């Protein structure tokens, strides 16, 4: 019973559950289990499935074409990449780029540059936006300095708050509260100044706020632009 052949099958003993290898000549007969020594019936050989049935049930093994870019957020769609598309750089925005309000509201931002396009992803609370520019349409790359005037005004308010209260005869905030207010104001004023990487061309523009872009990153972007020009 334990002799294996090309068409041997396996089954468990109905009495002791021992797995047994059944040779073709034992199908349709009653035999004794070598483990529990009890008699068991071997079913007849099942009909052989045709090749079309076997092919239909075989799992698909061919590789899927292309990859995807996974973006943050449950409702955010993934971006499929073309078969010959390669990601050159993927820059996420950090605390210094999003600001204090962005950190509190859990904003996200990413600039993804491939050899075919530039993709800017932004997520604000539950909303998101995706901007794309084909590299063939990108004609200019620049770094510009911008100022967030809302954050600048808020920082000036916290910085001057102890002075305003003192000038109006309001009781002192206390040394600790005064120190916290002034430090918060200085931090907000510092964060209000930011740099932006601008990719533009053919009437399209991507403005990505980032405090610092390494020179090697800019070189990769320029290389991609020149390759598609």
Protein backbone atom coordinates (compact mmCIF):
# COMPACT_ATOMS: atom_id res chain seq x y z
CA UNK A 1 0.00 0.00 0.00
CA UNK A 2 2.87 2.39 0.67
CA UNK A 3 4.42 1.88 -2.77
CA UNK A 4 4.27 5.16 -4.71
CA UNK A 5 3.78 5.44 -8.48
CA UNK A 6 3.12 8.12 -10.98
CA UNK A 7 -0.67 7.90 -10.48
CA UNK A 8 -0.64 7.15 -6.72
CA UNK A 9 -3.16 9.07 -4.61
CA UNK A 10 -3.39 9.99 -0.93
CA UNK A 11 -6.23 9.51 1.55
CA UNK A 12 -6.75 9.37 5.31
CA UNK A 13 -7.79 6.22 7.11
CA UNK A 14 -11.45 6.66 8.24
CA UNK A 15 -10.61 4.94 11.55
CA UNK A 16 -7.32 6.49 12.73
CA UNK A 17 -6.95 9.44 10.30
CA UNK A 18 -3.47 8.28 9.28
CA UNK A 19 -2.52 9.65 5.85
CA UNK A 20 -1.81 6.84 3.43
CA UNK A 21 -0.45 6.64 -0.09
CA UNK A 22 -2.66 4.44 -2.26
CA UNK A 23 -1.25 2.65 -5.29
CA UNK A 24 -3.47 2.40 -8.41
CA UNK A 25 -4.07 -1.36 -8.09
CA UNK A 26 -5.79 -0.97 -4.68
CA UNK A 27 -8.60 1.35 -5.79
CA UNK A 28 -12.06 -0.21 -5.40
CA UNK A 29 -10.84 -2.80 -2.85
CA UNK A 30 -11.02 -3.36 0.91
CA UNK A 31 -7.60 -3.31 2.60
CA UNK A 32 -6.18 -3.28 6.10
CA UNK A 33 -4.76 -0.04 7.43
CA UNK A 34 -1.06 -0.57 8.30
CA UNK A 35 -1.39 1.82 11.26
CA UNK A 36 -4.55 0.71 13.13
CA UNK A 37 -4.90 -2.72 11.47
CA UNK A 38 -8.59 -2.08 10.77
CA UNK A 39 -10.29 -2.75 7.47
CA UNK A 40 -11.00 0.21 5.19
CA UNK A 41 -12.48 0.64 1.71
CA UNK A 42 -10.47 2.30 -1.03
CA UNK A 43 -12.74 4.20 -3.44
CA UNK A 44 -12.51 3.66 -7.13
CA UNK A 45 -10.13 5.86 -9.14
CA UNK A 46 -11.90 9.16 -9.86
CA UNK A 47 -12.30 10.13 -13.51
CA UNK A 48 -9.38 12.07 -14.92
CA UNK A 49 -10.19 15.69 -15.68
CA UNK A 50 -9.49 16.85 -19.18
CA UNK A 51 -6.74 19.31 -19.90
CA UNK A 52 -9.11 22.26 -20.42
CA UNK A 53 -10.55 21.83 -16.91
CA UNK A 54 -7.09 21.66 -15.37
CA UNK A 55 -5.99 24.76 -17.23
CA UNK A 56 -9.10 26.64 -16.15
CA UNK A 57 -8.49 25.89 -12.45
CA UNK A 58 -4.77 26.70 -12.52
CA UNK A 59 -3.95 30.01 -10.80
CA UNK A 60 -2.67 32.85 -12.90
CA UNK A 61 1.11 33.04 -12.67
CA UNK A 62 1.86 35.72 -15.25
CA UNK A 63 3.25 38.89 -13.67
CA UNK A 64 1.11 42.00 -13.61
CA UNK A 65 2.31 44.83 -15.79
CA UNK A 66 3.53 47.99 -14.05
CA UNK A 67 3.57 49.09 -10.43
CA UNK A 68 1.57 51.59 -8.40
CA UNK A 69 2.26 54.62 -6.22
CA UNK A 70 0.44 54.26 -2.90
CA UNK A 71 -0.82 57.56 -1.48
CA UNK A 72 -1.81 58.35 2.09
CA UNK A 73 -5.48 58.17 3.05
CA UNK A 74 -8.17 55.48 3.02
CA UNK A 75 -10.18 57.09 0.22
CA UNK A 76 -7.14 58.19 -1.81
CA UNK A 77 -6.69 56.26 -5.06
CA UNK A 78 -3.39 54.63 -5.98
CA UNK A 79 -1.59 55.88 -9.08
CA UNK A 80 -0.60 53.22 -11.64
CA UNK A 81 2.80 53.51 -13.28
CA UNK A 82 3.39 52.80 -16.93
CA UNK A 83 5.43 49.72 -17.77
CA UNK A 84 8.53 51.80 -18.65
CA UNK A 85 8.01 54.48 -15.98
CA UNK A 86 10.62 54.80 -13.23
CA UNK A 87 10.38 56.86 -10.03
CA UNK A 88 13.36 59.21 -9.79
CA UNK A 89 12.53 60.85 -6.49
CA UNK A 90 9.79 60.92 -3.85
CA UNK A 91 9.88 63.94 -1.48
CA UNK A 92 7.46 64.09 1.47
CA UNK A 93 6.68 67.36 3.23
CA UNK A 94 7.82 67.54 6.84
CA UNK A 95 6.92 69.64 9.85
CA UNK A 96 8.86 72.68 8.65
CA UNK A 97 7.08 72.57 5.27
CA UNK A 98 3.52 72.06 6.51
CA UNK A 99 3.71 74.45 9.45
CA UNK A 100 2.16 74.16 12.87
CA UNK A 101 -1.41 74.23 11.54
CA UNK A 102 -0.61 71.48 9.05
CA UNK A 103 0.87 69.36 11.80
CA UNK A 104 -2.20 69.79 14.02
CA UNK A 105 -4.62 69.07 11.15
CA UNK A 106 -2.49 66.14 9.96
CA UNK A 107 -1.90 67.47 6.46
CA UNK A 108 0.28 65.51 4.04
CA UNK A 109 2.19 66.44 0.92
CA UNK A 110 4.42 64.56 -1.55
CA UNK A 111 6.22 65.41 -4.77
CA UNK A 112 6.88 62.38 -6.96
CA UNK A 113 8.98 62.78 -10.09
CA UNK A 114 9.32 59.99 -12.63
CA UNK A 115 11.04 59.87 -15.99
CA UNK A 116 7.68 60.77 -17.58
CA UNK A 117 5.78 63.13 -15.25
CA UNK A 118 5.72 65.13 -12.03
CA UNK A 119 3.00 64.36 -9.46
CA UNK A 120 2.07 66.60 -6.53
CA UNK A 121 -0.16 65.05 -3.88
CA UNK A 122 -1.77 67.05 -1.07
CA UNK A 123 -4.11 65.84 1.65
CA UNK A 124 -5.88 68.25 3.99
CA UNK A 125 -7.93 66.54 6.70
CA UNK A 126 -10.33 64.43 4.56
CA UNK A 127 -9.82 66.16 1.20
CA UNK A 128 -7.02 65.50 -1.25
CA UNK A 129 -5.73 66.82 -4.58
CA UNK A 130 -3.43 65.31 -7.20
CA UNK A 131 -1.68 67.50 -9.79
CA UNK A 132 0.33 66.11 -12.69
CA UNK A 133 2.54 67.60 -15.39
CA UNK A 134 3.97 65.60 -18.26
CA UNK A 135 7.74 65.93 -18.39
CA UNK A 136 7.50 66.83 -22.06
CA UNK A 137 5.55 69.95 -21.04
CA UNK A 138 7.90 70.99 -18.23
CA UNK A 139 10.09 73.85 -19.36
CA UNK A 140 11.08 75.67 -16.16
CA UNK A 141 12.22 74.71 -12.68
CA UNK A 142 12.71 77.34 -10.00
CA UNK A 143 12.99 77.78 -6.24
CA UNK A 144 11.02 80.75 -4.89
CA UNK A 145 10.58 82.13 -1.38
CA UNK A 146 7.05 82.67 -0.13
CA UNK A 147 5.48 84.02 3.04
CA UNK A 148 2.42 82.68 4.84
CA UNK A 149 0.90 85.96 6.01
CA UNK A 150 -1.79 84.29 8.12
CA UNK A 151 0.85 82.43 10.09
CA UNK A 152 3.02 85.56 10.20
CA UNK A 153 0.18 87.62 11.68
CA UNK A 154 -0.64 84.93 14.22
CA UNK A 155 3.00 84.77 15.27
CA UNK A 156 3.18 88.55 15.69
CA UNK A 157 0.02 88.44 17.81
CA UNK A 158 1.43 85.85 20.23
CA UNK A 159 4.77 87.69 20.36
CA UNK A 160 3.16 91.05 21.19
CA UNK A 161 0.34 89.70 23.37
CA UNK A 162 2.14 90.21 26.72
CA UNK A 163 3.03 93.79 25.72
CA UNK A 164 -0.54 94.54 24.58
CA UNK A 165 -1.98 93.22 27.82
CA UNK A 166 0.50 95.20 29.92
CA UNK A 167 -0.20 98.42 27.97
CA UNK A 168 -3.93 98.05 28.56
CA UNK A 169 -3.56 97.52 32.30
CA UNK A 170 -4.51 93.85 32.20
CA UNK A 171 -2.99 91.78 35.02
CA UNK A 172 0.25 90.09 34.07
CA UNK A 173 0.08 86.69 32.40
CA UNK A 174 2.82 85.41 34.65
CA UNK A 175 6.42 84.71 33.63
CA UNK A 176 5.76 81.18 32.34
CA UNK A 177 2.72 82.15 30.22
CA UNK A 178 4.58 85.18 28.89
CA UNK A 179 7.56 83.02 27.90
CA UNK A 180 5.33 80.42 26.19
CA UNK A 181 3.43 83.11 24.27
CA UNK A 182 6.59 84.81 23.03
CA UNK A 183 8.26 81.51 22.05
CA UNK A 184 5.12 80.46 20.15
CA UNK A 185 5.13 83.79 18.33
CA UNK A 186 8.78 83.47 17.35
CA UNK A 187 8.21 79.92 16.10
CA UNK A 188 5.19 80.91 14.01
CA UNK A 189 7.05 83.84 12.47
CA UNK A 190 9.98 81.56 11.64
CA UNK A 191 7.68 78.98 10.05
CA UNK A 192 5.84 81.59 7.99
CA UNK A 193 8.81 81.86 5.64
CA UNK A 194 9.04 78.94 3.22
CA UNK A 195 10.58 77.93 -0.06
CA UNK A 196 8.70 76.37 -2.94
CA UNK A 197 9.88 74.20 -5.79
CA UNK A 198 8.02 75.30 -8.94
CA UNK A 199 7.67 73.11 -12.04
CA UNK A 200 5.98 74.89 -14.91
CA UNK A 201 5.42 74.77 -18.65
CA UNK A 202 2.67 74.83 -21.32
CA UNK A 203 0.34 76.79 -19.03
CA UNK A 204 0.62 74.23 -16.21
CA UNK A 205 2.33 74.70 -12.87
CA UNK A 206 3.09 72.69 -9.74
CA UNK A 207 4.07 74.61 -6.62
CA UNK A 208 5.47 72.37 -3.88
CA UNK A 209 6.32 73.94 -0.53
CA UNK A 210 9.57 72.58 0.86
CA UNK A 211 12.09 74.34 3.07
CA UNK A 212 15.16 72.76 1.53
CA UNK A 213 15.82 70.75 -1.63
CA UNK A 214 19.22 69.04 -1.86
CA UNK A 215 21.24 69.81 -4.97
CA UNK A 216 21.33 66.14 -5.98
CA UNK A 217 17.51 66.07 -5.95
CA UNK A 218 17.34 69.10 -8.26
CA UNK A 219 19.88 67.42 -10.53
CA UNK A 220 17.61 64.40 -10.90
CA UNK A 221 14.66 66.60 -11.81
CA UNK A 222 16.72 68.51 -14.37
CA UNK A 223 17.96 65.26 -15.86
CA UNK A 224 14.38 64.04 -16.31
CA UNK A 225 13.34 67.35 -17.89
CA UNK A 226 16.27 67.36 -20.31
CA UNK A 227 15.65 63.73 -21.28
CA UNK A 228 12.08 64.55 -22.34
CA UNK A 229 12.73 67.94 -23.97
